[in-house]
Amino acid sequence: MLIPLGFLFFASVAINKNFMWFLYYEDFWGLLLTGASLILSITAAKNTSSKWHSWAVITTELASAFNIVITVAFWNYAAP
């Protein structure tokens, strides 16, 4: 589900030809981190190598923290 959504974000950036848009929106970075953590978690589940497990845990923690910041920022600044 995240891959088609990520593709749509990349397509909208390419259509607008404004790549600074990519850097401005924090929720886009949250989407990318969540997608990376999902892919690395699936890879870690299939491979028993310890390097995949550590990267999966690191990206999952980063994505969780980033998504918490996005949620708090939305409900405090954008929603009211």
PDB file of N, CA and C in Angstrom:
ATOM      1  N   MET A   1       0.809  -1.196   0.000  1.00  0.00           N
ATOM      2  CA  MET A   1       0.000   0.000   0.000  1.00  0.00           C
ATOM      3  C   MET A   1       0.858   1.269   0.000  1.00  0.00           C
ATOM      4  N   LEU A   2       2.004   1.220   0.654  1.00  0.00           N
ATOM      5  CA  LEU A   2       2.845   2.404   0.718  1.00  0.00           C
ATOM      6  C   LEU A   2       3.571   2.683  -0.594  1.00  0.00           C
ATOM      7  N   ILE A   3       3.847   1.640  -1.349  1.00  0.00           N
ATOM      8  CA  ILE A   3       4.590   1.830  -2.594  1.00  0.00           C
ATOM      9  C   ILE A   3       3.781   2.618  -3.626  1.00  0.00           C
ATOM     10  N   PRO A   4       2.491   2.297  -3.863  1.00  0.00           N
ATOM     11  CA  PRO A   4       1.745   3.144  -4.803  1.00  0.00           C
ATOM     12  C   PRO A   4       1.586   4.581  -4.305  1.00  0.00           C
ATOM     13  N   LEU A   5       1.424   4.769  -3.006  1.00  0.00           N
ATOM     14  CA  LEU A   5       1.299   6.111  -2.466  1.00  0.00           C
ATOM     15  C   LEU A   5       2.605   6.886  -2.623  1.00  0.00           C
ATOM     16  N   GLY A   6       3.723   6.224  -2.373  1.00  0.00           N
ATOM     17  CA  GLY A   6       5.019   6.858  -2.585  1.00  0.00           C
ATOM     18  C   GLY A   6       5.243   7.211  -4.044  1.00  0.00           C
ATOM     19  N   PHE A   7       4.806   6.327  -4.931  1.00  0.00           N
ATOM     20  CA  PHE A   7       4.925   6.619  -6.358  1.00  0.00           C
ATOM     21  C   PHE A   7       4.098   7.838  -6.750  1.00  0.00           C
ATOM     22  N   LEU A   8       2.902   7.966  -6.169  1.00  0.00           N
ATOM     23  CA  LEU A   8       2.071   9.123  -6.471  1.00  0.00           C
ATOM     24  C   LEU A   8       2.718  10.417  -5.984  1.00  0.00           C
ATOM     25  N   PHE A   9       3.362  10.371  -4.825  1.00  0.00           N
ATOM     26  CA  PHE A   9       4.064  11.551  -4.336  1.00  0.00           C
ATOM     27  C   PHE A   9       5.214  11.920  -5.269  1.00  0.00           C
ATOM     28  N   PHE A  10       6.001  10.932  -5.677  1.00  0.00           N
ATOM     29  CA  PHE A  10       7.103  11.206  -6.604  1.00  0.00           C
ATOM     30  C   PHE A  10       6.586  11.736  -7.939  1.00  0.00           C
ATOM     31  N   ALA A  11       5.463  11.185  -8.411  1.00  0.00           N
ATOM     32  CA  ALA A  11       4.890  11.636  -9.678  1.00  0.00           C
ATOM     33  C   ALA A  11       4.422  13.082  -9.577  1.00  0.00           C
ATOM     34  N   SER A  12       3.825  13.448  -8.447  1.00  0.00           N
ATOM     35  CA  SER A  12       3.366  14.829  -8.305  1.00  0.00           C
ATOM     36  C   SER A  12       4.545  15.797  -8.238  1.00  0.00           C
ATOM     37  N   VAL A  13       5.638  15.383  -7.628  1.00  0.00           N
ATOM     38  CA  VAL A  13       6.836  16.229  -7.601  1.00  0.00           C
ATOM     39  C   VAL A  13       7.399  16.376  -9.011  1.00  0.00           C
ATOM     40  N   ALA A  14       7.431  15.285  -9.756  1.00  0.00           N
ATOM     41  CA  ALA A  14       7.975  15.331 -11.114  1.00  0.00           C
ATOM     42  C   ALA A  14       7.089  16.165 -12.037  1.00  0.00           C
ATOM     43  N   ILE A  15       5.780  16.096 -11.852  1.00  0.00           N
ATOM     44  CA  ILE A  15       4.871  16.868 -12.703  1.00  0.00           C
ATOM     45  C   ILE A  15       5.015  18.361 -12.417  1.00  0.00           C
ATOM     46  N   ASN A  16       5.126  18.712 -11.134  1.00  0.00           N
ATOM     47  CA  ASN A  16       5.258  20.125 -10.770  1.00  0.00           C
ATOM     48  C   ASN A  16       6.644  20.680 -11.066  1.00  0.00           C
ATOM     49  N   LYS A  17       7.604  19.811 -11.243  1.00  0.00           N
ATOM     50  CA  LYS A  17       8.997  20.188 -11.494  1.00  0.00           C
ATOM     51  C   LYS A  17       9.536  21.123 -10.413  1.00  0.00           C
ATOM     52  N   ASN A  18       9.071  20.907  -9.202  1.00  0.00           N
ATOM     53  CA  ASN A  18       9.524  21.687  -8.066  1.00  0.00           C
ATOM     54  C   ASN A  18      10.006  20.706  -7.000  1.00  0.00           C
ATOM     55  N   PHE A  19      11.275  20.358  -7.046  1.00  0.00           N
ATOM     56  CA  PHE A  19      11.788  19.339  -6.151  1.00  0.00           C
ATOM     57  C   PHE A  19      12.007  19.848  -4.727  1.00  0.00           C
ATOM     58  N   MET A  20      11.921  21.156  -4.511  1.00  0.00           N
ATOM     59  CA  MET A  20      11.985  21.666  -3.141  1.00  0.00           C
ATOM     60  C   MET A  20      10.726  21.286  -2.366  1.00  0.00           C
ATOM     61  N   TRP A  21       9.630  21.024  -3.078  1.00  0.00           N
ATOM     62  CA  TRP A  21       8.394  20.563  -2.449  1.00  0.00           C
ATOM     63  C   TRP A  21       8.650  19.278  -1.672  1.00  0.00           C
ATOM     64  N   PHE A  22       9.523  18.465  -2.230  1.00  0.00           N
ATOM     65  CA  PHE A  22       9.881  17.202  -1.603  1.00  0.00           C
ATOM     66  C   PHE A  22      10.503  17.428  -0.229  1.00  0.00           C
ATOM     67  N   LEU A  23      11.272  18.493  -0.075  1.00  0.00           N
ATOM     68  CA  LEU A  23      11.965  18.751   1.183  1.00  0.00           C
ATOM     69  C   LEU A  23      11.079  19.441   2.214  1.00  0.00           C
ATOM     70  N   TYR A  24      10.058  20.151   1.774  1.00  0.00           N
ATOM     71  CA  TYR A  24       9.269  20.968   2.677  1.00  0.00           C
ATOM     72  C   TYR A  24       8.261  20.169   3.497  1.00  0.00           C
ATOM     73  N   TYR A  25       7.653  19.182   2.918  1.00  0.00           N
ATOM     74  CA  TYR A  25       6.552  18.502   3.586  1.00  0.00           C
ATOM     75  C   TYR A  25       7.044  17.374   4.477  1.00  0.00           C
ATOM     76  N   GLU A  26       6.778  17.542   5.755  1.00  0.00           N
ATOM     77  CA  GLU A  26       7.255  16.582   6.749  1.00  0.00           C
ATOM     78  C   GLU A  26       6.524  15.249   6.634  1.00  0.00           C
ATOM     79  N   ASP A  27       5.260  15.264   6.232  1.00  0.00           N
ATOM     80  CA  ASP A  27       4.534  14.006   6.125  1.00  0.00           C
ATOM     81  C   ASP A  27       5.078  13.133   5.004  1.00  0.00           C
ATOM     82  N   PHE A  28       5.684  13.745   3.984  1.00  0.00           N
ATOM     83  CA  PHE A  28       6.301  12.945   2.927  1.00  0.00           C
ATOM     84  C   PHE A  28       7.519  12.201   3.470  1.00  0.00           C
ATOM     85  N   TRP A  29       8.299  12.869   4.324  1.00  0.00           N
ATOM     86  CA  TRP A  29       9.440  12.199   4.945  1.00  0.00           C
ATOM     87  C   TRP A  29       8.960  11.088   5.862  1.00  0.00           C
ATOM     88  N   GLY A  30       7.843  11.295   6.557  1.00  0.00           N
ATOM     89  CA  GLY A  30       7.267  10.242   7.393  1.00  0.00           C
ATOM     90  C   GLY A  30       6.854   9.035   6.576  1.00  0.00           C
ATOM     91  N   LEU A  31       6.281   9.295   5.394  1.00  0.00           N
ATOM     92  CA  LEU A  31       5.905   8.201   4.503  1.00  0.00           C
ATOM     93  C   LEU A  31       7.124   7.416   4.044  1.00  0.00           C
ATOM     94  N   LEU A  32       8.183   8.130   3.680  1.00  0.00           N
ATOM     95  CA  LEU A  32       9.397   7.449   3.221  1.00  0.00           C
ATOM     96  C   LEU A  32      10.042   6.629   4.334  1.00  0.00           C
ATOM     97  N   LEU A  33      10.093   7.188   5.542  1.00  0.00           N
ATOM     98  CA  LEU A  33      10.671   6.440   6.659  1.00  0.00           C
ATOM     99  C   LEU A  33       9.834   5.213   7.004  1.00  0.00           C
ATOM    100  N   THR A  34       8.516   5.357   6.957  1.00  0.00           N
ATOM    101  CA  THR A  34       7.645   4.219   7.244  1.00  0.00           C
ATOM    102  C   THR A  34       7.800   3.138   6.182  1.00  0.00           C
ATOM    103  N   GLY A  35       7.891   3.542   4.927  1.00  0.00           N
ATOM    104  CA  GLY A  35       8.099   2.565   3.853  1.00  0.00           C
ATOM    105  C   GLY A  35       9.432   1.851   3.976  1.00  0.00           C
ATOM    106  N   ALA A  36      10.482   2.608   4.334  1.00  0.00           N
ATOM    107  CA  ALA A  36      11.799   1.991   4.512  1.00  0.00           C
ATOM    108  C   ALA A  36      11.792   1.018   5.679  1.00  0.00           C
ATOM    109  N   SER A  37      11.112   1.387   6.767  1.00  0.00           N
ATOM    110  CA  SER A  37      11.073   0.473   7.918  1.00  0.00           C
ATOM    111  C   SER A  37      10.283  -0.782   7.591  1.00  0.00           C
ATOM    112  N   LEU A  38       9.227  -0.637   6.794  1.00  0.00           N
ATOM    113  CA  LEU A  38       8.446  -1.800   6.391  1.00  0.00           C
ATOM    114  C   LEU A  38       9.265  -2.740   5.515  1.00  0.00           C
ATOM    115  N   ILE A  39       9.971  -2.182   4.544  1.00  0.00           N
ATOM    116  CA  ILE A  39      10.787  -3.004   3.644  1.00  0.00           C
ATOM    117  C   ILE A  39      11.920  -3.683   4.418  1.00  0.00           C
ATOM    118  N   LEU A  40      12.581  -2.936   5.311  1.00  0.00           N
ATOM    119  CA  LEU A  40      13.668  -3.532   6.083  1.00  0.00           C
ATOM    120  C   LEU A  40      13.163  -4.571   7.083  1.00  0.00           C
ATOM    121  N   SER A  41      11.973  -4.381   7.624  1.00  0.00           N
ATOM    122  CA  SER A  41      11.406  -5.382   8.533  1.00  0.00           C
ATOM    123  C   SER A  41      11.068  -6.668   7.793  1.00  0.00           C
ATOM    124  N   ILE A  42      10.542  -6.556   6.591  1.00  0.00           N
ATOM    125  CA  ILE A  42      10.255  -7.745   5.782  1.00  0.00           C
ATOM    126  C   ILE A  42      11.552  -8.453   5.420  1.00  0.00           C
ATOM    127  N   THR A  43      12.579  -7.689   5.054  1.00  0.00           N
ATOM    128  CA  THR A  43      13.878  -8.278   4.719  1.00  0.00           C
ATOM    129  C   THR A  43      14.489  -8.958   5.937  1.00  0.00           C
ATOM    130  N   ALA A  44      14.358  -8.344   7.113  1.00  0.00           N
ATOM    131  CA  ALA A  44      14.907  -8.939   8.337  1.00  0.00           C
ATOM    132  C   ALA A  44      14.173 -10.218   8.716  1.00  0.00           C
ATOM    133  N   ALA A  45      12.881 -10.277   8.420  1.00  0.00           N
ATOM    134  CA  ALA A  45      12.124 -11.495   8.726  1.00  0.00           C
ATOM    135  C   ALA A  45      12.531 -12.648   7.816  1.00  0.00           C
ATOM    136  N   LYS A  46      12.917 -12.335   6.585  1.00  0.00           N
ATOM    137  CA  LYS A  46      13.315 -13.389   5.649  1.00  0.00           C
ATOM    138  C   LYS A  46      14.766 -13.820   5.818  1.00  0.00           C
ATOM    139  N   ASN A  47      15.632 -12.894   6.262  1.00  0.00           N
ATOM    140  CA  ASN A  47      17.051 -13.209   6.439  1.00  0.00           C
ATOM    141  C   ASN A  47      17.374 -13.202   7.924  1.00  0.00           C
ATOM    142  N   THR A  48      18.192 -14.125   8.337  1.00  0.00           N
ATOM    143  CA  THR A  48      18.534 -14.202   9.757  1.00  0.00           C
ATOM    144  C   THR A  48      19.806 -13.433  10.099  1.00  0.00           C
ATOM    145  N   SER A  49      20.337 -12.694   9.150  1.00  0.00           N
ATOM    146  CA  SER A  49      21.532 -11.905   9.404  1.00  0.00           C
ATOM    147  C   SER A  49      21.224 -10.793  10.396  1.00  0.00           C
ATOM    148  N   SER A  50      22.138 -10.543  11.308  1.00  0.00           N
ATOM    149  CA  SER A  50      21.889  -9.550  12.352  1.00  0.00           C
ATOM    150  C   SER A  50      21.895  -8.123  11.810  1.00  0.00           C
ATOM    151  N   LYS A  51      22.565  -7.882  10.682  1.00  0.00           N
ATOM    152  CA  LYS A  51      22.609  -6.513  10.156  1.00  0.00           C
ATOM    153  C   LYS A  51      21.228  -6.050   9.711  1.00  0.00           C
ATOM    154  N   TRP A  52      20.414  -6.920   9.167  1.00  0.00           N
ATOM    155  CA  TRP A  52      19.069  -6.528   8.737  1.00  0.00           C
ATOM    156  C   TRP A  52      18.178  -6.235   9.933  1.00  0.00           C
ATOM    157  N   HIS A  53      18.354  -7.008  11.003  1.00  0.00           N
ATOM    158  CA  HIS A  53      17.532  -6.779  12.190  1.00  0.00           C
ATOM    159  C   HIS A  53      17.839  -5.438  12.827  1.00  0.00           C
ATOM    160  N   SER A  54      19.093  -5.076  12.894  1.00  0.00           N
ATOM    161  CA  SER A  54      19.440  -3.793  13.513  1.00  0.00           C
ATOM    162  C   SER A  54      18.938  -2.625  12.669  1.00  0.00           C
ATOM    163  N   TRP A  55      19.059  -2.708  11.341  1.00  0.00           N
ATOM    164  CA  TRP A  55      18.552  -1.638  10.491  1.00  0.00           C
ATOM    165  C   TRP A  55      17.031  -1.552  10.548  1.00  0.00           C
ATOM    166  N   ALA A  56      16.371  -2.703  10.655  1.00  0.00           N
ATOM    167  CA  ALA A  56      14.909  -2.700  10.765  1.00  0.00           C
ATOM    168  C   ALA A  56      14.460  -2.025  12.055  1.00  0.00           C
ATOM    169  N   VAL A  57      15.140  -2.303  13.152  1.00  0.00           N
ATOM    170  CA  VAL A  57      14.779  -1.685  14.427  1.00  0.00           C
ATOM    171  C   VAL A  57      15.049  -0.181  14.395  1.00  0.00           C
ATOM    172  N   ILE A  58      16.187   0.222  13.849  1.00  0.00           N
ATOM    173  CA  ILE A  58      16.531   1.647  13.797  1.00  0.00           C
ATOM    174  C   ILE A  58      15.519   2.421  12.956  1.00  0.00           C
ATOM    175  N   THR A  59      15.196   1.920  11.776  1.00  0.00           N
ATOM    176  CA  THR A  59      14.252   2.657  10.927  1.00  0.00           C
ATOM    177  C   THR A  59      12.837   2.642  11.497  1.00  0.00           C
ATOM    178  N   THR A  60      12.456   1.570  12.180  1.00  0.00           N
ATOM    179  CA  THR A  60      11.138   1.534  12.805  1.00  0.00           C
ATOM    180  C   THR A  60      11.041   2.549  13.932  1.00  0.00           C
ATOM    181  N   GLU A  61      12.093   2.663  14.727  1.00  0.00           N
ATOM    182  CA  GLU A  61      12.095   3.664  15.801  1.00  0.00           C
ATOM    183  C   GLU A  61      12.072   5.081  15.239  1.00  0.00           C
ATOM    184  N   LEU A  62      12.866   5.337  14.196  1.00  0.00           N
ATOM    185  CA  LEU A  62      12.869   6.659  13.574  1.00  0.00           C
ATOM    186  C   LEU A  62      11.507   6.998  12.967  1.00  0.00           C
ATOM    187  N   ALA A  63      10.911   6.039  12.291  1.00  0.00           N
ATOM    188  CA  ALA A  63       9.607   6.283  11.675  1.00  0.00           C
ATOM    189  C   ALA A  63       8.540   6.519  12.732  1.00  0.00           C
ATOM    190  N   SER A  64       8.580   5.770  13.818  1.00  0.00           N
ATOM    191  CA  SER A  64       7.598   5.967  14.889  1.00  0.00           C
ATOM    192  C   SER A  64       7.740   7.338  15.517  1.00  0.00           C
ATOM    193  N   ALA A  65       8.962   7.733  15.817  1.00  0.00           N
ATOM    194  CA  ALA A  65       9.189   9.049  16.421  1.00  0.00           C
ATOM    195  C   ALA A  65       8.775  10.163  15.464  1.00  0.00           C
ATOM    196  N   PHE A  66       9.107  10.011  14.203  1.00  0.00           N
ATOM    197  CA  PHE A  66       8.771  11.038  13.222  1.00  0.00           C
ATOM    198  C   PHE A  66       7.260  11.140  13.042  1.00  0.00           C
ATOM    199  N   ASN A  67       6.569  10.007  13.044  1.00  0.00           N
ATOM    200  CA  ASN A  67       5.118  10.024  12.884  1.00  0.00           C
ATOM    201  C   ASN A  67       4.426  10.618  14.103  1.00  0.00           C
ATOM    202  N   ILE A  68       4.993  10.440  15.285  1.00  0.00           N
ATOM    203  CA  ILE A  68       4.433  11.080  16.479  1.00  0.00           C
ATOM    204  C   ILE A  68       4.550  12.597  16.357  1.00  0.00           C
ATOM    205  N   VAL A  69       5.706  13.068  15.914  1.00  0.00           N
ATOM    206  CA  VAL A  69       5.901  14.515  15.722  1.00  0.00           C
ATOM    207  C   VAL A  69       4.928  15.049  14.674  1.00  0.00           C
ATOM    208  N   ILE A  70       4.724  14.319  13.595  1.00  0.00           N
ATOM    209  CA  ILE A  70       3.796  14.741  12.551  1.00  0.00           C
ATOM    210  C   ILE A  70       2.380  14.834  13.106  1.00  0.00           C
ATOM    211  N   THR A  71       1.963  13.851  13.891  1.00  0.00           N
ATOM    212  CA  THR A  71       0.614  13.843  14.456  1.00  0.00           C
ATOM    213  C   THR A  71       0.404  15.004  15.411  1.00  0.00           C
ATOM    214  N   VAL A  72       1.354  15.226  16.310  1.00  0.00           N
ATOM    215  CA  VAL A  72       1.236  16.330  17.262  1.00  0.00           C
ATOM    216  C   VAL A  72       1.228  17.673  16.533  1.00  0.00           C
ATOM    217  N   ALA A  73       2.098  17.822  15.544  1.00  0.00           N
ATOM    218  CA  ALA A  73       2.153  19.074  14.788  1.00  0.00           C
ATOM    219  C   ALA A  73       0.847  19.311  14.031  1.00  0.00           C
ATOM    220  N   PHE A  74       0.269  18.263  13.477  1.00  0.00           N
ATOM    221  CA  PHE A  74      -0.984  18.416  12.753  1.00  0.00           C
ATOM    222  C   PHE A  74      -2.094  18.877  13.672  1.00  0.00           C
ATOM    223  N   TRP A  75      -2.259  18.186  14.812  1.00  0.00           N
ATOM    224  CA  TRP A  75      -3.382  18.508  15.695  1.00  0.00           C
ATOM    225  C   TRP A  75      -3.188  19.821  16.434  1.00  0.00           C
ATOM    226  N   ASN A  76      -1.962  20.286  16.567  1.00  0.00           N
ATOM    227  CA  ASN A  76      -1.739  21.566  17.246  1.00  0.00           C
ATOM    228  C   ASN A  76      -1.733  22.760  16.314  1.00  0.00           C
ATOM    229  N   TYR A  77      -1.317  22.573  15.066  1.00  0.00           N
ATOM    230  CA  TYR A  77      -1.145  23.712  14.159  1.00  0.00           C
ATOM    231  C   TYR A  77      -2.080  23.703  12.966  1.00  0.00           C
ATOM    232  N   ALA A  78      -2.284  22.565  12.365  1.00  0.00           N
ATOM    233  CA  ALA A  78      -3.063  22.539  11.124  1.00  0.00           C
ATOM    234  C   ALA A  78      -4.553  22.327  11.364  1.00  0.00           C
ATOM    235  N   ALA A  79      -4.919  21.482  12.312  1.00  0.00           N
ATOM    236  CA  ALA A  79      -6.313  21.148  12.519  1.00  0.00           C
ATOM    237  C   ALA A  79      -7.149  22.253  13.155  1.00  0.00           C
ATOM    238  N   PRO A  80      -6.653  22.991  14.153  1.00  0.00           N
ATOM    239  CA  PRO A  80      -7.529  24.013  14.762  1.00  0.00           C
ATOM    240  C   PRO A  80      -7.804  25.089  13.780  1.00  0.00           C
TER     241      PRO A  80
END
